[in-house]
């Protein structure tokens, strides 16, 4: 669909299979190098500041080793009433999170960063999507948790998986909820002259 312009090479700084699959949809070659960074939220950091910082730190960690390449870092969080709901610590935590979200709107936010250290170019942005989860009964929550799907997902659900049935309405980018806002990332890569 797109092609990478000559002299450009792309690295995805992520171990997320969802991000890998989505970037592959653009039909472009890229390498995958997962970064190892501390993803602890800083005091007084807003959710948007947090995803922008983490996406930059992921890209920068890999970019330092490959300064001539374009590195894409991204981070997705679920936010309810300005509180970040990360990956659950276990089944009980997943249950509490889903009880909190049921029958309510929440936000999914992804920060992404496109970085080329040798060219001194950095592009950062964040995308926000509003999601409404249906009013779940406890038995539904327990059945979903028994699939193990929510145990490694921010907000304890996967819209692209079995948890998709719980999502009643989405306002904004669907791909953002999955983990990479495809429209905005493609626009960034085109605007930077990486793709054509």
N, C-alpha and C. Protein backbone atom coordinates (compact mmCIF):
# COMPACT_ATOMS: atom_id res chain seq x y z
N UNK A 1 0.82 -1.19 0.00
CA UNK A 1 0.00 0.00 0.00
C UNK A 1 0.87 1.26 0.00
N UNK A 2 1.77 1.34 0.98
CA UNK A 2 2.75 2.43 1.02
C UNK A 2 4.12 1.87 0.70
N UNK A 3 5.06 2.75 0.43
CA UNK A 3 6.44 2.29 0.31
C UNK A 3 7.34 3.19 1.14
N UNK A 4 8.40 2.59 1.65
CA UNK A 4 9.37 3.34 2.43
C UNK A 4 10.32 4.03 1.47
N UNK A 5 10.46 5.34 1.60
CA UNK A 5 11.34 6.09 0.71
C UNK A 5 12.80 5.71 0.94
N UNK A 6 13.59 5.81 -0.12
CA UNK A 6 14.99 5.41 -0.07
C UNK A 6 15.75 6.15 1.02
N UNK A 7 16.59 5.41 1.72
CA UNK A 7 17.39 6.01 2.79
C UNK A 7 16.70 6.01 4.14
N UNK A 8 15.51 5.43 4.19
CA UNK A 8 14.77 5.35 5.45
C UNK A 8 14.56 3.90 5.85
N UNK A 9 14.73 3.62 7.11
CA UNK A 9 14.44 2.29 7.65
C UNK A 9 13.69 2.49 8.96
N UNK A 10 12.74 1.61 9.21
CA UNK A 10 11.85 1.77 10.36
C UNK A 10 12.04 0.64 11.36
N UNK A 11 12.04 1.03 12.64
CA UNK A 11 12.04 0.06 13.75
C UNK A 11 10.83 0.34 14.61
N UNK A 12 10.09 -0.70 14.94
CA UNK A 12 9.00 -0.58 15.90
C UNK A 12 9.55 -0.96 17.27
N UNK A 13 9.54 0.00 18.19
CA UNK A 13 10.05 -0.24 19.54
C UNK A 13 8.91 -0.77 20.40
N UNK A 14 8.56 -2.04 20.18
CA UNK A 14 7.42 -2.62 20.89
C UNK A 14 7.47 -4.14 20.84
N UNK A 15 6.94 -4.76 21.89
CA UNK A 15 6.79 -6.21 21.88
C UNK A 15 5.31 -6.59 21.72
N UNK A 16 4.46 -5.59 21.47
CA UNK A 16 3.03 -5.82 21.31
C UNK A 16 2.72 -6.45 19.96
N UNK A 17 2.16 -7.65 19.98
CA UNK A 17 1.78 -8.31 18.73
C UNK A 17 0.69 -7.52 18.01
N UNK A 18 -0.14 -6.82 18.76
CA UNK A 18 -1.20 -6.01 18.14
C UNK A 18 -0.59 -4.86 17.33
N UNK A 19 0.41 -4.20 17.91
CA UNK A 19 1.06 -3.10 17.17
C UNK A 19 1.81 -3.62 15.94
N UNK A 20 2.45 -4.75 16.09
CA UNK A 20 3.17 -5.35 14.96
C UNK A 20 2.18 -5.64 13.83
N UNK A 21 1.07 -6.28 14.16
CA UNK A 21 0.07 -6.63 13.14
C UNK A 21 -0.50 -5.39 12.46
N UNK A 22 -0.77 -4.34 13.25
CA UNK A 22 -1.35 -3.13 12.66
C UNK A 22 -0.36 -2.41 11.75
N UNK A 23 0.92 -2.32 12.17
CA UNK A 23 1.91 -1.66 11.34
C UNK A 23 2.12 -2.45 10.04
N UNK A 24 2.02 -3.77 10.12
CA UNK A 24 2.15 -4.61 8.91
C UNK A 24 1.05 -4.31 7.90
N UNK A 25 -0.11 -3.83 8.38
CA UNK A 25 -1.22 -3.51 7.48
C UNK A 25 -0.85 -2.40 6.50
N UNK A 26 0.15 -1.58 6.85
CA UNK A 26 0.58 -0.52 5.94
C UNK A 26 1.40 -1.09 4.77
N UNK A 27 1.77 -2.36 4.89
CA UNK A 27 2.50 -3.02 3.81
C UNK A 27 3.95 -2.59 3.68
N UNK A 28 4.54 -2.17 4.79
CA UNK A 28 5.92 -1.67 4.75
C UNK A 28 6.84 -2.57 5.57
N UNK A 29 8.12 -2.65 5.20
CA UNK A 29 9.06 -3.44 6.00
C UNK A 29 9.50 -2.66 7.24
N UNK A 30 9.67 -3.37 8.33
CA UNK A 30 10.20 -2.76 9.55
C UNK A 30 10.78 -3.85 10.44
N UNK A 31 11.67 -3.45 11.32
CA UNK A 31 12.24 -4.35 12.31
C UNK A 31 11.51 -4.16 13.64
N UNK A 32 11.64 -5.14 14.52
CA UNK A 32 10.98 -5.08 15.83
C UNK A 32 12.06 -5.22 16.90
N UNK A 33 12.17 -4.19 17.74
CA UNK A 33 13.11 -4.25 18.87
C UNK A 33 12.40 -3.72 20.11
N UNK A 34 12.00 -4.62 21.02
CA UNK A 34 11.31 -4.17 22.23
C UNK A 34 12.27 -3.46 23.18
N UNK A 35 11.88 -2.29 23.70
CA UNK A 35 12.73 -1.59 24.66
C UNK A 35 12.44 -2.05 26.08
N UNK A 36 13.39 -1.86 26.94
CA UNK A 36 13.19 -2.16 28.36
C UNK A 36 13.29 -0.84 29.12
N UNK A 37 12.13 -0.30 29.51
CA UNK A 37 12.13 0.98 30.23
C UNK A 37 11.25 0.88 31.47
N UNK A 38 11.45 1.81 32.36
CA UNK A 38 10.62 1.92 33.57
C UNK A 38 9.35 2.69 33.19
N UNK A 39 8.19 2.04 33.35
CA UNK A 39 6.93 2.67 32.97
C UNK A 39 6.14 3.18 34.18
N UNK A 40 6.86 3.58 35.22
CA UNK A 40 6.21 4.11 36.41
C UNK A 40 5.73 5.53 36.17
N UNK A 41 4.49 5.80 36.55
CA UNK A 41 3.93 7.14 36.40
C UNK A 41 4.57 8.08 37.42
N UNK A 42 4.88 9.28 36.97
CA UNK A 42 5.45 10.29 37.87
C UNK A 42 4.34 11.01 38.62
N UNK A 43 4.63 11.51 39.83
CA UNK A 43 3.62 12.27 40.58
C UNK A 43 3.18 13.50 39.78
N UNK A 44 1.90 13.78 39.81
CA UNK A 44 1.31 14.96 39.14
C UNK A 44 1.38 14.91 37.62
N UNK A 45 1.75 13.77 37.04
CA UNK A 45 1.79 13.62 35.59
C UNK A 45 0.38 13.31 35.09
N UNK A 46 -0.10 14.06 34.10
CA UNK A 46 -1.43 13.77 33.54
C UNK A 46 -1.33 12.52 32.67
N UNK A 47 -2.47 11.85 32.40
CA UNK A 47 -2.43 10.68 31.51
C UNK A 47 -1.80 10.99 30.16
N UNK A 48 -2.11 12.17 29.58
CA UNK A 48 -1.54 12.53 28.27
C UNK A 48 -0.03 12.72 28.39
N UNK A 49 0.42 13.42 29.42
CA UNK A 49 1.86 13.61 29.63
C UNK A 49 2.56 12.26 29.79
N UNK A 50 1.89 11.34 30.49
CA UNK A 50 2.46 10.01 30.73
C UNK A 50 2.66 9.25 29.43
N UNK A 51 1.62 9.16 28.57
CA UNK A 51 1.77 8.38 27.33
C UNK A 51 2.74 9.03 26.36
N UNK A 52 2.80 10.35 26.36
CA UNK A 52 3.77 11.03 25.49
C UNK A 52 5.20 10.75 25.96
N UNK A 53 5.41 10.78 27.27
CA UNK A 53 6.75 10.52 27.81
C UNK A 53 7.17 9.07 27.58
N UNK A 54 6.28 8.14 27.88
CA UNK A 54 6.63 6.71 27.74
C UNK A 54 6.88 6.35 26.28
N UNK A 55 6.05 6.88 25.36
CA UNK A 55 6.27 6.58 23.94
C UNK A 55 7.63 7.13 23.48
N UNK A 56 7.98 8.33 23.97
CA UNK A 56 9.29 8.90 23.64
C UNK A 56 10.42 8.06 24.23
N UNK A 57 10.29 7.66 25.49
CA UNK A 57 11.35 6.88 26.13
C UNK A 57 11.57 5.55 25.44
N UNK A 58 10.48 4.93 24.97
CA UNK A 58 10.61 3.66 24.23
C UNK A 58 11.38 3.89 22.93
N UNK A 59 10.97 4.92 22.18
CA UNK A 59 11.64 5.21 20.91
C UNK A 59 13.10 5.61 21.12
N UNK A 60 13.35 6.42 22.13
CA UNK A 60 14.70 6.91 22.40
C UNK A 60 15.64 5.79 22.85
N UNK A 61 15.12 4.87 23.66
CA UNK A 61 15.95 3.76 24.15
C UNK A 61 16.49 2.93 22.98
N UNK A 62 15.62 2.67 22.01
CA UNK A 62 16.04 1.90 20.83
C UNK A 62 16.83 2.80 19.87
N UNK A 63 16.38 4.05 19.73
CA UNK A 63 17.03 4.98 18.81
C UNK A 63 18.49 5.25 19.12
N UNK A 64 18.86 5.21 20.40
CA UNK A 64 20.26 5.43 20.79
C UNK A 64 21.19 4.38 20.18
N UNK A 65 20.66 3.17 19.98
CA UNK A 65 21.45 2.08 19.39
C UNK A 65 21.41 2.10 17.86
N UNK A 66 20.38 2.75 17.30
CA UNK A 66 20.21 2.81 15.84
C UNK A 66 19.88 4.25 15.44
N UNK A 67 20.83 5.17 15.60
CA UNK A 67 20.55 6.61 15.41
C UNK A 67 20.14 6.99 13.99
N UNK A 68 20.50 6.18 12.99
CA UNK A 68 20.17 6.51 11.60
C UNK A 68 18.79 6.01 11.17
N UNK A 69 18.14 5.26 12.03
CA UNK A 69 16.85 4.67 11.66
C UNK A 69 15.69 5.46 12.29
N UNK A 70 14.52 5.32 11.69
CA UNK A 70 13.30 5.91 12.24
C UNK A 70 12.71 4.90 13.22
N UNK A 71 12.52 5.33 14.46
CA UNK A 71 12.01 4.44 15.50
C UNK A 71 10.62 4.92 15.94
N UNK A 72 9.69 3.99 16.00
CA UNK A 72 8.33 4.29 16.45
C UNK A 72 8.12 3.67 17.83
N UNK A 73 7.78 4.51 18.80
CA UNK A 73 7.42 4.03 20.13
C UNK A 73 5.97 4.40 20.40
N UNK A 74 5.28 3.57 21.16
CA UNK A 74 3.88 3.87 21.48
C UNK A 74 3.53 3.30 22.85
N UNK A 75 2.55 3.92 23.47
CA UNK A 75 2.05 3.43 24.75
C UNK A 75 0.56 3.71 24.83
N UNK A 76 -0.22 2.69 25.23
CA UNK A 76 -1.68 2.82 25.32
C UNK A 76 -2.12 2.60 26.76
N UNK A 77 -3.01 3.48 27.22
CA UNK A 77 -3.54 3.36 28.57
C UNK A 77 -5.07 3.49 28.54
N UNK A 78 -5.68 2.96 29.57
CA UNK A 78 -7.12 3.13 29.80
C UNK A 78 -7.26 4.10 30.97
N UNK A 79 -8.13 5.09 30.79
CA UNK A 79 -8.28 6.14 31.80
C UNK A 79 -9.74 6.26 32.21
N UNK A 80 -9.98 6.21 33.51
CA UNK A 80 -11.33 6.43 34.05
C UNK A 80 -11.25 7.53 35.12
N UNK A 81 -11.97 8.62 34.89
CA UNK A 81 -11.95 9.76 35.81
C UNK A 81 -10.53 10.20 36.14
N UNK A 82 -9.73 10.34 35.09
CA UNK A 82 -8.33 10.80 35.18
C UNK A 82 -7.40 9.82 35.89
N UNK A 83 -7.87 8.62 36.15
CA UNK A 83 -7.06 7.58 36.80
C UNK A 83 -6.64 6.55 35.75
N UNK A 84 -5.36 6.27 35.68
CA UNK A 84 -4.85 5.29 34.73
C UNK A 84 -5.09 3.88 35.26
N UNK A 85 -5.75 3.07 34.43
CA UNK A 85 -6.01 1.67 34.79
C UNK A 85 -5.06 0.80 33.98
N UNK A 86 -4.02 0.34 34.61
CA UNK A 86 -2.99 -0.45 33.91
C UNK A 86 -3.39 -1.90 33.77
N UNK A 87 -2.39 -2.72 33.50
CA UNK A 87 -2.63 -4.17 33.42
C UNK A 87 -2.93 -4.68 34.83
N UNK A 88 -3.90 -5.59 34.95
CA UNK A 88 -4.26 -6.06 36.30
C UNK A 88 -3.16 -6.90 36.93
N UNK A 89 -3.10 -6.85 38.26
CA UNK A 89 -2.09 -7.63 38.97
C UNK A 89 -2.51 -9.10 39.10
N UNK A 90 -3.77 -9.38 38.84
CA UNK A 90 -4.28 -10.75 38.91
C UNK A 90 -5.77 -10.76 38.64
N UNK A 91 -6.41 -11.89 38.85
CA UNK A 91 -7.84 -12.03 38.55
C UNK A 91 -8.71 -11.10 39.38
N UNK A 92 -8.39 -10.95 40.66
CA UNK A 92 -9.18 -10.07 41.53
C UNK A 92 -9.12 -8.62 41.06
N UNK A 93 -7.94 -8.20 40.66
CA UNK A 93 -7.75 -6.84 40.18
C UNK A 93 -8.51 -6.63 38.86
N UNK A 94 -8.46 -7.63 37.98
CA UNK A 94 -9.20 -7.55 36.70
C UNK A 94 -10.70 -7.44 36.97
N UNK A 95 -11.19 -8.21 37.93
CA UNK A 95 -12.61 -8.17 38.30
C UNK A 95 -13.01 -6.77 38.79
N UNK A 96 -12.20 -6.20 39.66
CA UNK A 96 -12.48 -4.86 40.19
C UNK A 96 -12.48 -3.81 39.08
N UNK A 97 -11.53 -3.93 38.15
CA UNK A 97 -11.44 -2.97 37.04
C UNK A 97 -12.68 -3.04 36.16
N UNK A 98 -13.09 -4.26 35.79
CA UNK A 98 -14.25 -4.41 34.92
C UNK A 98 -15.54 -3.99 35.63
N UNK A 99 -15.61 -4.21 36.93
CA UNK A 99 -16.77 -3.73 37.70
C UNK A 99 -16.81 -2.20 37.68
N UNK A 100 -15.65 -1.59 37.74
CA UNK A 100 -15.55 -0.13 37.72
C UNK A 100 -16.01 0.44 36.37
N UNK A 101 -15.65 -0.24 35.28
CA UNK A 101 -15.92 0.27 33.93
C UNK A 101 -17.31 -0.06 33.40
N UNK A 102 -17.94 -1.09 33.94
CA UNK A 102 -19.21 -1.55 33.37
C UNK A 102 -20.28 -0.45 33.42
N UNK A 103 -21.00 -0.33 32.31
CA UNK A 103 -22.09 0.63 32.21
C UNK A 103 -21.65 2.08 32.20
N UNK A 104 -20.37 2.32 31.86
CA UNK A 104 -19.85 3.70 31.90
C UNK A 104 -18.95 3.97 30.69
N UNK A 105 -18.72 5.27 30.46
CA UNK A 105 -17.75 5.71 29.48
C UNK A 105 -16.37 5.77 30.13
N UNK A 106 -15.35 5.44 29.36
CA UNK A 106 -13.97 5.67 29.78
C UNK A 106 -13.18 6.07 28.54
N UNK A 107 -11.91 6.41 28.72
CA UNK A 107 -11.07 6.84 27.62
C UNK A 107 -9.93 5.84 27.41
N UNK A 108 -9.57 5.69 26.15
CA UNK A 108 -8.35 4.96 25.82
C UNK A 108 -7.44 5.96 25.11
N UNK A 109 -6.22 6.05 25.59
CA UNK A 109 -5.29 7.05 25.09
C UNK A 109 -3.99 6.37 24.65
N UNK A 110 -3.55 6.71 23.46
CA UNK A 110 -2.25 6.22 22.98
C UNK A 110 -1.36 7.40 22.64
N UNK A 111 -0.16 7.38 23.19
CA UNK A 111 0.87 8.33 22.79
C UNK A 111 1.79 7.61 21.83
N UNK A 112 2.24 8.31 20.79
CA UNK A 112 3.22 7.69 19.90
C UNK A 112 4.30 8.71 19.55
N UNK A 113 5.48 8.18 19.27
CA UNK A 113 6.64 9.00 18.97
C UNK A 113 7.38 8.40 17.79
N UNK A 114 7.70 9.24 16.80
CA UNK A 114 8.52 8.83 15.66
C UNK A 114 9.82 9.63 15.77
N UNK A 115 10.93 8.91 15.85
CA UNK A 115 12.20 9.54 16.21
C UNK A 115 13.32 9.11 15.28
N UNK A 116 14.14 10.08 14.88
CA UNK A 116 15.38 9.78 14.16
C UNK A 116 16.47 10.65 14.80
N UNK A 117 17.32 10.03 15.58
CA UNK A 117 18.31 10.76 16.38
C UNK A 117 19.35 11.45 15.50
N UNK A 118 19.85 10.77 14.47
CA UNK A 118 20.91 11.37 13.65
C UNK A 118 20.40 12.59 12.87
N UNK A 119 19.13 12.60 12.52
CA UNK A 119 18.55 13.75 11.80
C UNK A 119 17.96 14.79 12.76
N UNK A 120 17.99 14.47 14.05
CA UNK A 120 17.45 15.36 15.08
C UNK A 120 15.97 15.70 14.80
N UNK A 121 15.19 14.65 14.51
CA UNK A 121 13.77 14.81 14.22
C UNK A 121 12.96 13.97 15.21
N UNK A 122 11.97 14.61 15.80
CA UNK A 122 11.05 13.89 16.69
C UNK A 122 9.64 14.38 16.45
N UNK A 123 8.72 13.44 16.28
CA UNK A 123 7.29 13.76 16.12
C UNK A 123 6.55 13.01 17.23
N UNK A 124 5.79 13.76 18.02
CA UNK A 124 5.01 13.12 19.10
C UNK A 124 3.57 13.59 19.04
N UNK A 125 2.67 12.67 19.35
CA UNK A 125 1.26 13.02 19.41
C UNK A 125 0.55 12.00 20.29
N UNK A 126 -0.67 12.34 20.67
CA UNK A 126 -1.50 11.38 21.40
C UNK A 126 -2.90 11.40 20.81
N UNK A 127 -3.56 10.28 20.90
CA UNK A 127 -4.92 10.12 20.36
C UNK A 127 -5.80 9.57 21.48
N UNK A 128 -7.01 10.13 21.58
CA UNK A 128 -7.93 9.74 22.64
C UNK A 128 -9.23 9.23 22.03
N UNK A 129 -9.72 8.10 22.52
CA UNK A 129 -10.97 7.51 22.08
C UNK A 129 -11.85 7.28 23.30
N UNK A 130 -13.13 7.60 23.16
CA UNK A 130 -14.08 7.32 24.24
C UNK A 130 -14.75 5.98 23.99
N UNK A 131 -14.85 5.18 25.04
CA UNK A 131 -15.40 3.83 24.93
C UNK A 131 -16.49 3.63 25.99
N UNK A 132 -17.62 3.07 25.56
CA UNK A 132 -18.70 2.75 26.51
C UNK A 132 -18.80 1.24 26.65
N UNK A 133 -18.68 0.76 27.90
CA UNK A 133 -18.77 -0.67 28.17
C UNK A 133 -20.17 -1.01 28.65
N UNK A 134 -20.72 -2.09 28.13
CA UNK A 134 -22.07 -2.49 28.52
C UNK A 134 -22.12 -2.81 30.00
N UNK A 135 -23.31 -2.83 30.54
CA UNK A 135 -23.50 -3.12 31.96
C UNK A 135 -23.38 -4.62 32.19
N UNK A 136 -22.25 -5.06 32.65
CA UNK A 136 -21.95 -6.48 32.83
C UNK A 136 -22.47 -7.01 34.16
N UNK A 137 -22.89 -8.25 34.16
CA UNK A 137 -23.21 -8.90 35.44
C UNK A 137 -21.94 -9.63 35.90
N UNK A 138 -21.86 -9.91 37.21
CA UNK A 138 -20.65 -10.52 37.77
C UNK A 138 -20.27 -11.82 37.07
N UNK A 139 -21.28 -12.62 36.70
CA UNK A 139 -21.00 -13.91 36.06
C UNK A 139 -20.29 -13.71 34.71
N UNK A 140 -20.72 -12.70 33.96
CA UNK A 140 -20.07 -12.40 32.68
C UNK A 140 -18.61 -12.02 32.90
N UNK A 141 -18.38 -11.19 33.91
CA UNK A 141 -17.01 -10.76 34.21
C UNK A 141 -16.13 -11.96 34.56
N UNK A 142 -16.66 -12.85 35.41
CA UNK A 142 -15.89 -14.03 35.82
C UNK A 142 -15.62 -14.95 34.62
N UNK A 143 -16.62 -15.11 33.75
CA UNK A 143 -16.42 -15.96 32.57
C UNK A 143 -15.34 -15.38 31.66
N UNK A 144 -15.36 -14.06 31.52
CA UNK A 144 -14.35 -13.42 30.67
C UNK A 144 -12.96 -13.56 31.29
N UNK A 145 -12.86 -13.35 32.59
CA UNK A 145 -11.57 -13.48 33.27
C UNK A 145 -11.03 -14.91 33.15
N UNK A 146 -11.92 -15.89 33.14
CA UNK A 146 -11.49 -17.30 33.05
C UNK A 146 -10.81 -17.61 31.71
N UNK A 147 -10.98 -16.74 30.70
CA UNK A 147 -10.29 -16.93 29.41
C UNK A 147 -8.82 -16.50 29.48
N UNK A 148 -8.45 -15.79 30.56
CA UNK A 148 -7.11 -15.22 30.77
C UNK A 148 -6.79 -14.04 29.86
N UNK A 149 -7.67 -13.72 28.92
CA UNK A 149 -7.40 -12.61 28.00
C UNK A 149 -7.16 -11.28 28.70
N UNK A 150 -7.95 -10.93 29.74
CA UNK A 150 -7.77 -9.60 30.33
C UNK A 150 -6.54 -9.45 31.20
N UNK A 151 -5.84 -10.53 31.49
CA UNK A 151 -4.78 -10.48 32.51
C UNK A 151 -3.52 -9.74 32.07
N UNK A 152 -3.35 -9.51 30.77
CA UNK A 152 -2.17 -8.74 30.33
C UNK A 152 -2.59 -7.54 29.49
N UNK A 153 -3.80 -7.05 29.74
CA UNK A 153 -4.33 -5.92 28.97
C UNK A 153 -4.60 -4.72 29.87
N UNK A 154 -4.21 -3.54 29.40
CA UNK A 154 -4.55 -2.31 30.11
C UNK A 154 -6.07 -2.21 30.19
N UNK A 155 -6.58 -1.91 31.37
CA UNK A 155 -8.03 -1.81 31.54
C UNK A 155 -8.72 -3.15 31.63
N UNK A 156 -7.97 -4.23 31.57
CA UNK A 156 -8.48 -5.60 31.74
C UNK A 156 -9.44 -6.08 30.65
N UNK A 157 -9.28 -5.54 29.42
CA UNK A 157 -10.08 -6.09 28.32
C UNK A 157 -9.37 -5.84 26.99
N UNK A 158 -9.75 -6.64 25.99
CA UNK A 158 -9.20 -6.49 24.64
C UNK A 158 -10.36 -6.32 23.68
N UNK A 159 -10.48 -5.13 23.10
CA UNK A 159 -11.60 -4.84 22.19
C UNK A 159 -11.50 -5.70 20.93
N UNK A 160 -10.28 -6.09 20.54
CA UNK A 160 -10.09 -6.87 19.33
C UNK A 160 -10.22 -8.36 19.59
N UNK A 161 -10.46 -8.74 20.84
CA UNK A 161 -10.55 -10.15 21.19
C UNK A 161 -11.93 -10.52 21.73
N UNK A 162 -11.92 -11.46 22.67
CA UNK A 162 -13.18 -11.91 23.27
C UNK A 162 -13.91 -10.78 23.98
N UNK A 163 -13.14 -9.80 24.48
CA UNK A 163 -13.73 -8.68 25.20
C UNK A 163 -14.47 -7.70 24.32
N UNK A 164 -14.39 -7.89 23.01
CA UNK A 164 -15.06 -6.98 22.08
C UNK A 164 -16.57 -6.92 22.28
N UNK A 165 -17.16 -8.02 22.75
CA UNK A 165 -18.62 -8.04 22.93
C UNK A 165 -19.07 -7.09 24.04
N UNK A 166 -18.16 -6.72 24.92
CA UNK A 166 -18.52 -5.85 26.04
C UNK A 166 -18.57 -4.39 25.65
N UNK A 167 -17.95 -4.06 24.53
CA UNK A 167 -17.85 -2.66 24.11
C UNK A 167 -19.09 -2.30 23.28
N UNK A 168 -19.92 -1.44 23.85
CA UNK A 168 -21.18 -1.08 23.22
C UNK A 168 -21.04 0.07 22.24
N UNK A 169 -20.15 1.01 22.53
CA UNK A 169 -20.01 2.18 21.66
C UNK A 169 -18.59 2.72 21.73
N UNK A 170 -18.11 3.21 20.57
CA UNK A 170 -16.79 3.83 20.49
C UNK A 170 -16.92 5.16 19.79
N UNK A 171 -16.36 6.20 20.38
CA UNK A 171 -16.32 7.52 19.75
C UNK A 171 -14.85 7.87 19.50
N UNK A 172 -14.46 7.77 18.24
CA UNK A 172 -13.07 8.02 17.89
C UNK A 172 -12.44 6.83 17.21
N UNK A 173 -11.12 6.76 17.25
CA UNK A 173 -10.35 5.75 16.53
C UNK A 173 -10.44 4.37 17.18
N UNK A 174 -10.90 3.39 16.39
CA UNK A 174 -10.94 2.00 16.87
C UNK A 174 -9.52 1.45 17.02
N UNK A 175 -8.66 1.72 16.02
CA UNK A 175 -7.30 1.17 16.08
C UNK A 175 -6.53 1.71 17.29
N UNK A 176 -6.90 2.91 17.72
CA UNK A 176 -6.29 3.46 18.93
C UNK A 176 -6.60 2.59 20.15
N UNK A 177 -7.83 2.10 20.22
CA UNK A 177 -8.24 1.25 21.35
C UNK A 177 -7.47 -0.07 21.31
N UNK A 178 -7.17 -0.55 20.10
CA UNK A 178 -6.40 -1.78 19.95
C UNK A 178 -4.94 -1.56 20.37
N UNK A 179 -4.41 -0.34 20.13
CA UNK A 179 -3.05 -0.07 20.58
C UNK A 179 -2.18 0.78 19.68
N UNK A 180 -2.69 1.16 18.48
CA UNK A 180 -1.90 2.03 17.61
C UNK A 180 -2.86 2.79 16.69
N UNK A 181 -2.96 4.12 16.84
CA UNK A 181 -3.87 4.89 15.99
C UNK A 181 -3.35 4.97 14.56
N UNK A 182 -3.82 4.07 13.72
CA UNK A 182 -3.26 3.88 12.38
C UNK A 182 -3.31 5.13 11.51
N UNK A 183 -4.43 5.83 11.51
CA UNK A 183 -4.56 7.02 10.68
C UNK A 183 -3.49 8.05 11.04
N UNK A 184 -3.37 8.34 12.32
CA UNK A 184 -2.43 9.37 12.77
C UNK A 184 -0.97 8.94 12.58
N UNK A 185 -0.67 7.67 12.80
CA UNK A 185 0.70 7.19 12.60
C UNK A 185 1.07 7.25 11.12
N UNK A 186 0.16 6.81 10.25
CA UNK A 186 0.44 6.86 8.81
C UNK A 186 0.62 8.31 8.35
N UNK A 187 -0.22 9.21 8.85
CA UNK A 187 -0.09 10.63 8.50
C UNK A 187 1.27 11.19 8.94
N UNK A 188 1.71 10.79 10.13
CA UNK A 188 3.02 11.25 10.62
C UNK A 188 4.14 10.74 9.73
N UNK A 189 4.11 9.44 9.36
CA UNK A 189 5.15 8.87 8.54
C UNK A 189 5.18 9.50 7.14
N UNK A 190 4.01 9.83 6.63
CA UNK A 190 3.94 10.51 5.33
C UNK A 190 4.46 11.94 5.42
N UNK A 191 4.04 12.65 6.48
CA UNK A 191 4.45 14.06 6.62
C UNK A 191 5.94 14.21 6.84
N UNK A 192 6.56 13.19 7.44
CA UNK A 192 8.00 13.23 7.68
C UNK A 192 8.80 12.76 6.46
N UNK A 193 8.09 12.34 5.42
CA UNK A 193 8.77 11.89 4.20
C UNK A 193 9.34 10.49 4.30
N UNK A 194 8.94 9.73 5.31
CA UNK A 194 9.43 8.37 5.49
C UNK A 194 8.73 7.43 4.50
N UNK A 195 7.45 7.67 4.30
CA UNK A 195 6.64 6.87 3.38
C UNK A 195 6.14 7.72 2.22
N UNK A 196 5.79 7.03 1.15
CA UNK A 196 5.08 7.69 0.05
C UNK A 196 4.12 6.68 -0.57
